[in-house]
PDB file of N, CA and C in Angstrom:
ATOM      1  N   MET A   1       0.844  -1.175   0.000  1.00  0.00           N
ATOM      2  CA  MET A   1       0.000   0.000   0.000  1.00  0.00           C
ATOM      3  C   MET A   1       0.888   1.236   0.000  1.00  0.00           C
ATOM      4  N   ILE A   2       0.661   2.127  -0.945  1.00  0.00           N
ATOM      5  CA  ILE A   2       1.460   3.345  -1.055  1.00  0.00           C
ATOM      6  C   ILE A   2       0.580   4.528  -0.661  1.00  0.00           C
ATOM      7  N   ILE A   3       1.113   5.372   0.212  1.00  0.00           N
ATOM      8  CA  ILE A   3       0.392   6.553   0.687  1.00  0.00           C
ATOM      9  C   ILE A   3       0.785   7.739  -0.175  1.00  0.00           C
ATOM     10  N   ASN A   4      -0.199   8.504  -0.578  1.00  0.00           N
ATOM     11  CA  ASN A   4       0.049   9.735  -1.322  1.00  0.00           C
ATOM     12  C   ASN A   4       0.857  10.682  -0.428  1.00  0.00           C
ATOM     13  N   PRO A   5       1.924  11.293  -0.935  1.00  0.00           N
ATOM     14  CA  PRO A   5       2.758  12.166  -0.092  1.00  0.00           C
ATOM     15  C   PRO A   5       1.996  13.312   0.563  1.00  0.00           C
ATOM     16  N   LYS A   6       0.916  13.776  -0.045  1.00  0.00           N
ATOM     17  CA  LYS A   6       0.191  14.882   0.590  1.00  0.00           C
ATOM     18  C   LYS A   6      -0.557  14.423   1.839  1.00  0.00           C
ATOM     19  N   TYR A   7      -0.759  13.104   1.987  1.00  0.00           N
ATOM     20  CA  TYR A   7      -1.403  12.575   3.192  1.00  0.00           C
ATOM     21  C   TYR A   7      -0.399  12.031   4.204  1.00  0.00           C
ATOM     22  N   ALA A   8       0.884  12.034   3.869  1.00  0.00           N
ATOM     23  CA  ALA A   8       1.892  11.465   4.765  1.00  0.00           C
ATOM     24  C   ALA A   8       1.972  12.248   6.074  1.00  0.00           C
ATOM     25  N   GLY A   9       1.888  13.573   6.001  1.00  0.00           N
ATOM     26  CA  GLY A   9       1.926  14.386   7.217  1.00  0.00           C
ATOM     27  C   GLY A   9       0.735  14.111   8.108  1.00  0.00           C
ATOM     28  N   LEU A  10      -0.434  13.963   7.508  1.00  0.00           N
ATOM     29  CA  LEU A  10      -1.645  13.657   8.271  1.00  0.00           C
ATOM     30  C   LEU A  10      -1.526  12.286   8.938  1.00  0.00           C
ATOM     31  N   LEU A  11      -0.988  11.322   8.205  1.00  0.00           N
ATOM     32  CA  LEU A  11      -0.817   9.981   8.754  1.00  0.00           C
ATOM     33  C   LEU A  11       0.183   9.988   9.906  1.00  0.00           C
ATOM     34  N   MET A  12       1.285  10.684   9.744  1.00  0.00           N
ATOM     35  CA  MET A  12       2.271  10.745  10.826  1.00  0.00           C
ATOM     36  C   MET A  12       1.706  11.474  12.038  1.00  0.00           C
ATOM     37  N   GLY A  13       0.918  12.532  11.805  1.00  0.00           N
ATOM     38  CA  GLY A  13       0.267  13.222  12.919  1.00  0.00           C
ATOM     39  C   GLY A  13      -0.674  12.304  13.672  1.00  0.00           C
ATOM     40  N   LEU A  14      -1.410  11.482  12.942  1.00  0.00           N
ATOM     41  CA  LEU A  14      -2.319  10.526  13.572  1.00  0.00           C
ATOM     42  C   LEU A  14      -1.548   9.491  14.383  1.00  0.00           C
ATOM     43  N   ILE A  15      -0.460   8.985  13.809  1.00  0.00           N
ATOM     44  CA  ILE A  15       0.345   7.987  14.522  1.00  0.00           C
ATOM     45  C   ILE A  15       0.958   8.590  15.783  1.00  0.00           C
ATOM     46  N   ILE A  16       1.458   9.814  15.685  1.00  0.00           N
ATOM     47  CA  ILE A  16       2.051  10.471  16.854  1.00  0.00           C
ATOM     48  C   ILE A  16       0.990  10.732  17.910  1.00  0.00           C
ATOM     49  N   SER A  17      -0.196  11.175  17.489  1.00  0.00           N
ATOM     50  CA  SER A  17      -1.277  11.430  18.446  1.00  0.00           C
ATOM     51  C   SER A  17      -1.688  10.156  19.170  1.00  0.00           C
ATOM     52  N   LEU A  18      -1.829   9.072  18.429  1.00  0.00           N
ATOM     53  CA  LEU A  18      -2.195   7.804  19.063  1.00  0.00           C
ATOM     54  C   LEU A  18      -1.091   7.322  20.000  1.00  0.00           C
ATOM     55  N   GLY A  19       0.153   7.496  19.585  1.00  0.00           N
ATOM     56  CA  GLY A  19       1.268   7.091  20.436  1.00  0.00           C
ATOM     57  C   GLY A  19       1.332   7.894  21.724  1.00  0.00           C
ATOM     58  N   MET A  20       1.134   9.200  21.628  1.00  0.00           N
ATOM     59  CA  MET A  20       1.143  10.032  22.831  1.00  0.00           C
ATOM     60  C   MET A  20      -0.044   9.711  23.726  1.00  0.00           C
ATOM     61  N   SER A  21      -1.181   9.403  23.124  1.00  0.00           N
ATOM     62  CA  SER A  21      -2.347   9.006  23.911  1.00  0.00           C
ATOM     63  C   SER A  21      -2.053   7.726  24.682  1.00  0.00           C
ATOM     64  N   PHE A  22      -1.400   6.767  24.016  1.00  0.00           N
ATOM     65  CA  PHE A  22      -1.032   5.520  24.685  1.00  0.00           C
ATOM     66  C   PHE A  22      -0.072   5.787  25.837  1.00  0.00           C
ATOM     67  N   VAL A  23       0.932   6.619  25.606  1.00  0.00           N
ATOM     68  CA  VAL A  23       1.924   6.906  26.648  1.00  0.00           C
ATOM     69  C   VAL A  23       1.272   7.602  27.833  1.00  0.00           C
ATOM     70  N   MET A  24       0.402   8.585  27.569  1.00  0.00           N
ATOM     71  CA  MET A  24      -0.226   9.313  28.673  1.00  0.00           C
ATOM     72  C   MET A  24      -1.181   8.415  29.454  1.00  0.00           C
ATOM     73  N   SER A  25      -1.916   7.550  28.772  1.00  0.00           N
ATOM     74  CA  SER A  25      -2.797   6.640  29.506  1.00  0.00           C
ATOM     75  C   SER A  25      -1.969   5.661  30.333  1.00  0.00           C
ATOM     76  N   PHE A  26      -0.835   5.229  29.798  1.00  0.00           N
ATOM     77  CA  PHE A  26       0.043   4.335  30.555  1.00  0.00           C
ATOM     78  C   PHE A  26       0.589   5.042  31.793  1.00  0.00           C
ATOM     79  N   VAL A  27       0.947   6.319  31.658  1.00  0.00           N
ATOM     80  CA  VAL A  27       1.451   7.089  32.802  1.00  0.00           C
ATOM     81  C   VAL A  27       0.372   7.217  33.864  1.00  0.00           C
ATOM     82  N   MET A  28      -0.855   7.539  33.442  1.00  0.00           N
ATOM     83  CA  MET A  28      -1.937   7.705  34.415  1.00  0.00           C
ATOM     84  C   MET A  28      -2.246   6.388  35.133  1.00  0.00           C
ATOM     85  N   VAL A  29      -2.270   5.298  34.399  1.00  0.00           N
ATOM     86  CA  VAL A  29      -2.528   3.998  35.031  1.00  0.00           C
ATOM     87  C   VAL A  29      -1.404   3.653  35.991  1.00  0.00           C
ATOM     88  N   SER A  30      -0.174   3.907  35.607  1.00  0.00           N
ATOM     89  CA  SER A  30       0.947   3.563  36.484  1.00  0.00           C
ATOM     90  C   SER A  30       0.924   4.395  37.758  1.00  0.00           C
ATOM     91  N   MET A  31       0.514   5.655  37.651  1.00  0.00           N
ATOM     92  CA  MET A  31       0.448   6.492  38.847  1.00  0.00           C
ATOM     93  C   MET A  31      -0.694   6.045  39.752  1.00  0.00           C
ATOM     94  N   ASN A  32      -1.812   5.623  39.162  1.00  0.00           N
ATOM     95  CA  ASN A  32      -2.943   5.185  39.979  1.00  0.00           C
ATOM     96  C   ASN A  32      -2.692   3.818  40.600  1.00  0.00           C
ATOM     97  N   VAL A  33      -2.093   2.920  39.863  1.00  0.00           N
ATOM     98  CA  VAL A  33      -1.863   1.575  40.379  1.00  0.00           C
ATOM     99  C   VAL A  33      -0.740   1.583  41.409  1.00  0.00           C
ATOM    100  N   GLY A  34       0.252   2.427  41.194  1.00  0.00           N
ATOM    101  CA  GLY A  34       1.283   2.590  42.204  1.00  0.00           C
ATOM    102  C   GLY A  34       2.604   1.911  41.907  1.00  0.00           C
ATOM    103  N   PHE A  35       2.891   1.570  40.654  1.00  0.00           N
ATOM    104  CA  PHE A  35       4.211   0.995  40.378  1.00  0.00           C
ATOM    105  C   PHE A  35       5.133   2.051  39.779  1.00  0.00           C
ATOM    106  N   THR A  36       5.054   3.273  40.310  1.00  0.00           N
ATOM    107  CA  THR A  36       5.882   4.351  39.771  1.00  0.00           C
ATOM    108  C   THR A  36       7.369   4.087  39.983  1.00  0.00           C
ATOM    109  N   ALA A  37       7.713   3.288  40.987  1.00  0.00           N
ATOM    110  CA  ALA A  37       9.127   2.988  41.211  1.00  0.00           C
ATOM    111  C   ALA A  37       9.701   2.203  40.034  1.00  0.00           C
ATOM    112  N   ASN A  38       8.884   1.353  39.439  1.00  0.00           N
ATOM    113  CA  ASN A  38       9.338   0.550  38.299  1.00  0.00           C
ATOM    114  C   ASN A  38       8.827   1.102  36.980  1.00  0.00           C
ATOM    115  N   PHE A  39       8.337   2.336  36.987  1.00  0.00           N
ATOM    116  CA  PHE A  39       7.696   2.874  35.785  1.00  0.00           C
ATOM    117  C   PHE A  39       8.669   2.967  34.619  1.00  0.00           C
ATOM    118  N   LEU A  40       9.869   3.491  34.858  1.00  0.00           N
ATOM    119  CA  LEU A  40      10.827   3.670  33.763  1.00  0.00           C
ATOM    120  C   LEU A  40      11.201   2.326  33.142  1.00  0.00           C
ATOM    121  N   ASN A  41      11.403   1.335  33.982  1.00  0.00           N
ATOM    122  CA  ASN A  41      11.740   0.001  33.484  1.00  0.00           C
ATOM    123  C   ASN A  41      10.609  -0.561  32.622  1.00  0.00           C
ATOM    124  N   LYS A  42       9.371  -0.431  33.085  1.00  0.00           N
ATOM    125  CA  LYS A  42       8.234  -0.960  32.327  1.00  0.00           C
ATOM    126  C   LYS A  42       8.014  -0.159  31.048  1.00  0.00           C
ATOM    127  N   TRP A  43       8.219   1.158  31.105  1.00  0.00           N
ATOM    128  CA  TRP A  43       8.019   1.986  29.916  1.00  0.00           C
ATOM    129  C   TRP A  43       9.064   1.647  28.855  1.00  0.00           C
ATOM    130  N   MET A  44      10.310   1.442  29.279  1.00  0.00           N
ATOM    131  CA  MET A  44      11.357   1.078  28.325  1.00  0.00           C
ATOM    132  C   MET A  44      11.075  -0.296  27.712  1.00  0.00           C
ATOM    133  N   HIS A  45      10.559  -1.211  28.502  1.00  0.00           N
ATOM    134  CA  HIS A  45      10.223  -2.530  27.969  1.00  0.00           C
ATOM    135  C   HIS A  45       9.089  -2.418  26.955  1.00  0.00           C
ATOM    136  N   ALA A  46       8.067  -1.621  27.270  1.00  0.00           N
ATOM    137  CA  ALA A  46       6.940  -1.448  26.346  1.00  0.00           C
ATOM    138  C   ALA A  46       7.395  -0.772  25.056  1.00  0.00           C
ATOM    139  N   SER A  47       8.246   0.243  25.168  1.00  0.00           N
ATOM    140  CA  SER A  47       8.704   0.928  23.960  1.00  0.00           C
ATOM    141  C   SER A  47       9.619   0.026  23.138  1.00  0.00           C
ATOM    142  N   ALA A  48      10.387  -0.828  23.796  1.00  0.00           N
ATOM    143  CA  ALA A  48      11.247  -1.755  23.059  1.00  0.00           C
ATOM    144  C   ALA A  48      10.427  -2.767  22.268  1.00  0.00           C
ATOM    145  N   VAL A  49       9.216  -3.050  22.732  1.00  0.00           N
ATOM    146  CA  VAL A  49       8.348  -3.984  22.019  1.00  0.00           C
ATOM    147  C   VAL A  49       7.572  -3.277  20.919  1.00  0.00           C
ATOM    148  N   PHE A  50       6.997  -2.101  21.220  1.00  0.00           N
ATOM    149  CA  PHE A  50       6.069  -1.458  20.288  1.00  0.00           C
ATOM    150  C   PHE A  50       6.748  -0.632  19.201  1.00  0.00           C
ATOM    151  N   VAL A  51       7.886  -0.023  19.485  1.00  0.00           N
ATOM    152  CA  VAL A  51       8.520   0.858  18.499  1.00  0.00           C
ATOM    153  C   VAL A  51       8.948   0.100  17.236  1.00  0.00           C
ATOM    154  N   PRO A  52       9.602  -1.058  17.325  1.00  0.00           N
ATOM    155  CA  PRO A  52       9.953  -1.761  16.077  1.00  0.00           C
ATOM    156  C   PRO A  52       8.730  -2.196  15.268  1.00  0.00           C
ATOM    157  N   ILE A  53       7.662  -2.595  15.960  1.00  0.00           N
ATOM    158  CA  ILE A  53       6.438  -2.989  15.257  1.00  0.00           C
ATOM    159  C   ILE A  53       5.843  -1.789  14.538  1.00  0.00           C
ATOM    160  N   ALA A  54       5.743  -0.667  15.248  1.00  0.00           N
ATOM    161  CA  ALA A  54       5.186   0.542  14.631  1.00  0.00           C
ATOM    162  C   ALA A  54       6.069   1.013  13.476  1.00  0.00           C
ATOM    163  N   ARG A  55       7.389   0.944  13.637  1.00  0.00           N
ATOM    164  CA  ARG A  55       8.302   1.379  12.579  1.00  0.00           C
ATOM    165  C   ARG A  55       8.124   0.523  11.329  1.00  0.00           C
ATOM    166  N   LYS A  56       7.956  -0.787  11.516  1.00  0.00           N
ATOM    167  CA  LYS A  56       7.778  -1.679  10.372  1.00  0.00           C
ATOM    168  C   LYS A  56       6.518  -1.307   9.590  1.00  0.00           C
ATOM    169  N   TYR A  57       5.410  -1.053  10.300  1.00  0.00           N
ATOM    170  CA  TYR A  57       4.163  -0.730   9.606  1.00  0.00           C
ATOM    171  C   TYR A  57       4.197   0.655   8.974  1.00  0.00           C
ATOM    172  N   VAL A  58       4.849   1.620   9.621  1.00  0.00           N
ATOM    173  CA  VAL A  58       4.952   2.960   9.032  1.00  0.00           C
ATOM    174  C   VAL A  58       5.789   2.902   7.764  1.00  0.00           C
ATOM    175  N   PHE A  59       6.918   2.193   7.798  1.00  0.00           N
ATOM    176  CA  PHE A  59       7.744   2.081   6.597  1.00  0.00           C
ATOM    177  C   PHE A  59       7.004   1.352   5.486  1.00  0.00           C
ATOM    178  N   LYS A  60       6.205   0.346   5.857  1.00  0.00           N
ATOM    179  CA  LYS A  60       5.448  -0.381   4.842  1.00  0.00           C
ATOM    180  C   LYS A  60       4.366   0.518   4.244  1.00  0.00           C
ATOM    181  N   LEU A  61       3.688   1.312   5.091  1.00  0.00           N
ATOM    182  CA  LEU A  61       2.639   2.207   4.594  1.00  0.00           C
ATOM    183  C   LEU A  61       3.205   3.301   3.702  1.00  0.00           C
ATOM    184  N   LEU A  62       4.357   3.840   4.088  1.00  0.00           N
ATOM    185  CA  LEU A  62       4.943   4.933   3.319  1.00  0.00           C
ATOM    186  C   LEU A  62       5.842   4.430   2.194  1.00  0.00           C
ATOM    187  N   ALA A  63       5.991   3.134   2.073  1.00  0.00           N
ATOM    188  CA  ALA A  63       6.796   2.502   1.024  1.00  0.00           C
ATOM    189  C   ALA A  63       8.230   3.010   1.031  1.00  0.00           C
ATOM    190  N   LEU A  64       8.846   3.016   2.211  1.00  0.00           N
ATOM    191  CA  LEU A  64      10.239   3.460   2.341  1.00  0.00           C
ATOM    192  C   LEU A  64      11.172   2.268   2.349  1.00  0.00           C
TER     193      LEU A  64
END
């Protein structure tokens, strides 16, 4: 699937918005549940899992 370049900015904005929404909801849950001491460790583990997956799909969508 090839994305028209004029929509690439909109697509990246959507991906960034969804990613920030995920991060902020994760922060709020971690603060409410109370594992803030291990928050950085868990956040790094989550980003290590999700970032390569997201990068693969973004590159595939943008045909890079």
